[in-house]
Amino acid sequence: KFIMKKFLLIAAIAVCGMFSANAQEVSFGAKAGVNFASLGGDAEDADSRTGLHIGAIAELMLTESFSIQPELLYSMQGAKSEYSDSYTEMGVTVTESGEAELKLDYIVLPILAKYYITEGFSVQAGPQVGFLMSAKAEGDYTATAMGTSVSESFSEDVKDELSTVDFGVSAGLGYDLDMGVFFQARYYLGLSNIYDVESDNFSVQNNVLQVSVGYKF
């Protein structure tokens, strides 16, 4: 995994360096915004988790209407789920409920091709690689029977159960103002299985809807 992570970083740097050598103009900036993260595959029934992202961008103009935009972002991802059930055992009705949240923190590196349809308005698409920094499962559970409730909460580090590298594609729209402020909305579709327990036949992918505002200088 370490070798793969190192290879992806080197490849990303090489790609950016190749384009920067041919760029007509290079600008830098920062962006931040909201993530609406969820999970696909065998965990597609999970609810979305709202988080944040923040980081730096560069834009390498190759022509008047086409550019390459690499980014380096901290991204809060994951998902939420809720559970509720009621059953009768030995004449006693038991109600169970709970909720859990999977908190995944990534450093992500998107490299987007950016085409300006009109002045300021662009479509963007490209690959993205993410490196898992931390992973926690948190939640609570409550059982009620005969008017008495028992509650428990949990918090567990689950990083060892997940892949340290995530890969997928991003696509979206952007609008740049003349003053340097820009707005972006994109969707990330994870292609790799982030669940890394060989004994379980379980496949899970990251999905993220991202809305951002930033400034280029």
Protein backbone atom coordinates (compact mmCIF):
# COMPACT_ATOMS: atom_id res chain seq x y z
CA LYS A 1 0.00 0.00 0.00
CA PHE A 2 2.85 2.38 0.80
CA ILE A 3 4.43 1.70 -2.60
CA MET A 4 1.11 2.32 -4.37
CA LYS A 5 0.57 5.56 -2.45
CA LYS A 6 4.08 6.76 -3.36
CA PHE A 7 3.61 5.80 -7.02
CA LEU A 8 0.32 7.72 -7.28
CA LEU A 9 1.87 10.83 -5.74
CA ILE A 10 4.84 10.72 -8.10
CA ALA A 11 2.54 10.18 -11.09
CA ALA A 12 0.35 13.13 -10.08
CA ILE A 13 3.37 15.41 -9.65
CA ALA A 14 4.75 14.31 -13.02
CA VAL A 15 1.44 15.01 -14.78
CA CYS A 16 1.19 18.47 -13.22
CA GLY A 17 4.80 19.21 -14.12
CA MET A 18 4.25 18.17 -17.74
CA PHE A 19 1.27 20.47 -18.16
CA SER A 20 2.86 23.38 -16.28
CA ALA A 21 5.76 23.35 -18.75
CA ASN A 22 3.26 24.09 -21.56
CA ALA A 23 0.96 26.42 -19.64
CA GLN A 24 0.30 29.91 -20.99
CA GLU A 25 -0.71 31.18 -17.56
CA VAL A 26 -0.67 29.69 -14.05
CA SER A 27 -2.82 30.89 -11.15
CA PHE A 28 -3.10 29.67 -7.57
CA GLY A 29 -5.85 29.84 -5.01
CA ALA A 30 -7.72 28.32 -2.11
CA LYS A 31 -11.18 26.84 -1.74
CA ALA A 32 -13.50 25.54 0.96
CA GLY A 33 -17.01 24.20 1.12
CA VAL A 34 -19.47 21.51 2.09
CA ASN A 35 -19.43 17.77 1.41
CA PHE A 36 -22.56 15.64 1.22
CA ALA A 37 -20.87 12.25 1.50
CA SER A 38 -22.34 8.78 1.18
CA LEU A 39 -21.29 5.22 0.41
CA GLY A 40 -22.07 3.08 -2.62
CA GLY A 41 -21.95 -0.64 -3.29
CA ASP A 42 -23.08 -2.88 -0.44
CA ALA A 43 -23.60 0.15 1.83
CA GLU A 44 -25.77 2.17 -0.53
CA ASP A 45 -28.68 2.23 1.95
CA ALA A 46 -26.66 4.38 4.36
CA ASP A 47 -27.64 8.03 4.78
CA SER A 48 -25.39 10.90 3.76
CA ARG A 49 -22.98 12.59 6.14
CA THR A 50 -22.39 16.36 5.93
CA GLY A 51 -18.78 17.45 6.27
CA LEU A 52 -16.31 20.07 5.10
CA HIS A 53 -13.44 20.33 2.66
CA ILE A 54 -10.65 22.89 2.42
CA GLY A 55 -7.43 23.21 0.50
CA ALA A 56 -5.37 24.71 -2.32
CA ILE A 57 -5.74 24.72 -6.10
CA ALA A 58 -3.73 25.67 -9.15
CA GLU A 59 -4.99 26.36 -12.66
CA LEU A 60 -2.75 25.89 -15.68
CA MET A 61 -4.21 27.55 -18.77
CA LEU A 62 -3.20 25.63 -21.92
CA THR A 63 -5.42 27.57 -24.33
CA GLU A 64 -7.95 30.38 -23.93
CA SER A 65 -10.71 27.89 -23.16
CA PHE A 66 -8.93 24.80 -21.77
CA SER A 67 -6.96 24.32 -18.54
CA ILE A 68 -5.78 21.70 -16.06
CA GLN A 69 -6.71 22.23 -12.41
CA PRO A 70 -4.90 20.11 -9.77
CA GLU A 71 -6.11 20.44 -6.18
CA LEU A 72 -4.93 19.30 -2.76
CA LEU A 73 -7.77 19.11 -0.24
CA TYR A 74 -8.65 17.89 3.23
CA SER A 75 -12.02 16.18 2.86
CA MET A 76 -14.48 14.88 5.49
CA GLN A 77 -16.38 11.89 4.10
CA GLY A 78 -18.25 8.79 5.29
CA ALA A 79 -21.92 8.09 5.99
CA LYS A 80 -24.63 7.81 8.64
CA SER A 81 -27.20 5.13 9.40
CA GLU A 82 -30.17 4.70 11.71
CA TYR A 83 -31.69 1.52 13.13
CA SER A 84 -35.08 0.84 14.70
CA ASP A 85 -36.85 -2.42 15.52
CA SER A 86 -39.52 -3.77 17.83
CA TYR A 87 -40.22 -7.37 18.82
CA THR A 88 -41.91 -9.41 21.55
CA GLU A 89 -40.00 -11.91 23.63
CA MET A 90 -41.60 -13.93 26.46
CA GLY A 91 -44.61 -11.59 26.40
CA VAL A 92 -42.47 -8.46 26.73
CA THR A 93 -42.25 -5.91 23.91
CA VAL A 94 -38.73 -4.68 23.32
CA THR A 95 -37.95 -1.62 21.20
CA GLU A 96 -34.44 -1.09 19.91
CA SER A 97 -33.07 1.97 18.14
CA GLY A 98 -29.72 3.44 17.36
CA GLU A 99 -27.64 5.48 15.00
CA ALA A 100 -24.08 5.24 13.77
CA GLU A 101 -21.73 7.54 11.88
CA LEU A 102 -18.67 6.54 9.90
CA LYS A 103 -16.22 9.46 9.93
CA LEU A 104 -13.58 9.25 7.20
CA ASP A 105 -10.95 11.97 6.83
CA TYR A 106 -9.01 12.04 3.55
CA ILE A 107 -6.34 14.05 1.83
CA VAL A 108 -7.55 14.08 -1.78
CA LEU A 109 -5.79 15.04 -5.01
CA PRO A 110 -8.14 15.70 -7.96
CA ILE A 111 -6.60 16.53 -11.35
CA LEU A 112 -9.35 18.03 -13.49
CA ALA A 113 -9.56 18.96 -17.14
CA LYS A 114 -11.46 22.23 -17.30
CA TYR A 115 -13.21 23.55 -20.42
CA TYR A 116 -14.75 27.04 -20.51
CA ILE A 117 -18.03 26.91 -22.43
CA THR A 118 -18.47 30.66 -22.13
CA GLU A 119 -16.55 33.35 -20.28
CA GLY A 120 -16.38 32.31 -16.63
CA PHE A 121 -18.52 29.17 -16.96
CA SER A 122 -16.74 25.80 -17.18
CA VAL A 123 -17.28 22.05 -17.09
CA GLN A 124 -14.71 19.95 -15.22
CA ALA A 125 -13.84 16.27 -15.10
CA GLY A 126 -10.91 14.08 -14.16
CA PRO A 127 -9.43 11.44 -11.85
CA GLN A 128 -9.05 11.77 -8.09
CA VAL A 129 -6.94 9.85 -5.61
CA GLY A 130 -7.52 10.01 -1.85
CA PHE A 131 -5.34 9.01 1.08
CA LEU A 132 -7.13 7.96 4.28
CA MET A 133 -5.91 9.88 7.34
CA SER A 134 -8.35 8.64 9.98
CA ALA A 135 -11.49 6.47 10.25
CA LYS A 136 -13.84 6.28 13.22
CA ALA A 137 -17.20 4.61 13.78
CA GLU A 138 -19.31 6.38 16.41
CA GLY A 139 -22.88 5.98 17.57
CA ASP A 140 -25.37 5.01 20.25
CA TYR A 141 -27.88 2.25 20.97
CA THR A 142 -31.04 2.26 23.10
CA ALA A 143 -33.26 -0.66 24.17
CA THR A 144 -36.60 -0.06 25.91
CA ALA A 145 -38.76 -2.69 27.64
CA MET A 146 -41.53 -2.34 30.26
CA GLY A 147 -40.89 1.39 30.56
CA THR A 148 -37.17 0.98 31.25
CA SER A 149 -34.50 2.12 28.79
CA VAL A 150 -30.86 1.14 28.56
CA SER A 151 -28.50 3.19 26.39
CA GLU A 152 -24.93 2.65 25.26
CA SER A 153 -22.58 4.65 23.07
CA PHE A 154 -19.48 3.57 21.19
CA SER A 155 -16.48 5.06 19.42
CA GLU A 156 -14.04 2.83 17.57
CA ASP A 157 -11.03 3.33 15.33
CA VAL A 158 -11.71 1.33 12.14
CA LYS A 159 -8.83 2.51 9.97
CA ASP A 160 -7.31 -1.00 9.90
CA GLU A 161 -10.46 -2.27 8.18
CA LEU A 162 -10.26 0.23 5.32
CA SER A 163 -7.97 0.75 2.36
CA THR A 164 -5.53 3.63 2.77
CA VAL A 165 -5.90 4.64 -0.91
CA ASP A 166 -9.13 5.56 -2.69
CA PHE A 167 -9.50 6.19 -6.42
CA GLY A 168 -12.33 7.50 -8.56
CA VAL A 169 -13.49 10.22 -10.94
CA SER A 170 -14.92 13.69 -10.37
CA ALA A 171 -17.09 15.82 -12.65
CA GLY A 172 -18.89 19.10 -12.20
CA LEU A 173 -19.41 22.74 -13.07
CA GLY A 174 -17.66 25.96 -12.15
CA TYR A 175 -18.14 29.68 -12.47
CA ASP A 176 -15.30 32.21 -12.16
CA LEU A 177 -15.80 35.92 -11.48
CA ASP A 178 -13.38 38.53 -12.81
CA MET A 179 -12.41 39.53 -9.27
CA GLY A 180 -10.93 36.06 -8.62
CA VAL A 181 -13.82 34.52 -6.67
CA PHE A 182 -15.09 31.22 -8.06
CA PHE A 183 -17.84 28.71 -7.34
CA GLN A 184 -17.78 24.97 -7.99
CA ALA A 185 -20.17 22.04 -7.69
CA ARG A 186 -19.02 18.51 -8.47
CA TYR A 187 -19.72 14.86 -7.80
CA TYR A 188 -17.06 12.32 -6.89
CA LEU A 189 -17.74 8.70 -7.81
CA GLY A 190 -15.44 6.26 -6.05
CA LEU A 191 -14.35 3.30 -8.17
CA SER A 192 -12.20 1.36 -5.69
CA ASN A 193 -13.40 -0.80 -2.81
CA ILE A 194 -12.44 0.99 0.42
CA TYR A 195 -13.37 -2.00 2.63
CA ASP A 196 -10.21 -4.00 3.22
CA VAL A 197 -11.13 -7.15 5.16
CA GLU A 198 -10.27 -10.14 2.96
CA SER A 199 -12.50 -12.57 4.85
CA ASP A 200 -15.64 -10.52 4.07
CA ASN A 201 -17.12 -10.39 0.58
CA PHE A 202 -18.14 -6.76 0.96
CA SER A 203 -17.63 -3.88 -1.47
CA VAL A 204 -18.00 -0.21 -0.53
CA GLN A 205 -17.20 2.95 -2.51
CA ASN A 206 -17.01 6.63 -1.55
CA ASN A 207 -19.49 9.03 -3.15
CA VAL A 208 -19.35 12.78 -2.49
CA LEU A 209 -21.36 15.77 -3.67
CA GLN A 210 -19.15 18.83 -3.14
CA VAL A 211 -20.10 22.53 -3.21
CA SER A 212 -17.24 25.01 -2.97
CA VAL A 213 -16.34 28.69 -2.99
CA GLY A 214 -12.79 29.92 -3.48
CA TYR A 215 -10.43 32.65 -4.60
CA LYS A 216 -7.67 32.67 -7.22
CA PHE A 217 -4.86 35.19 -7.33
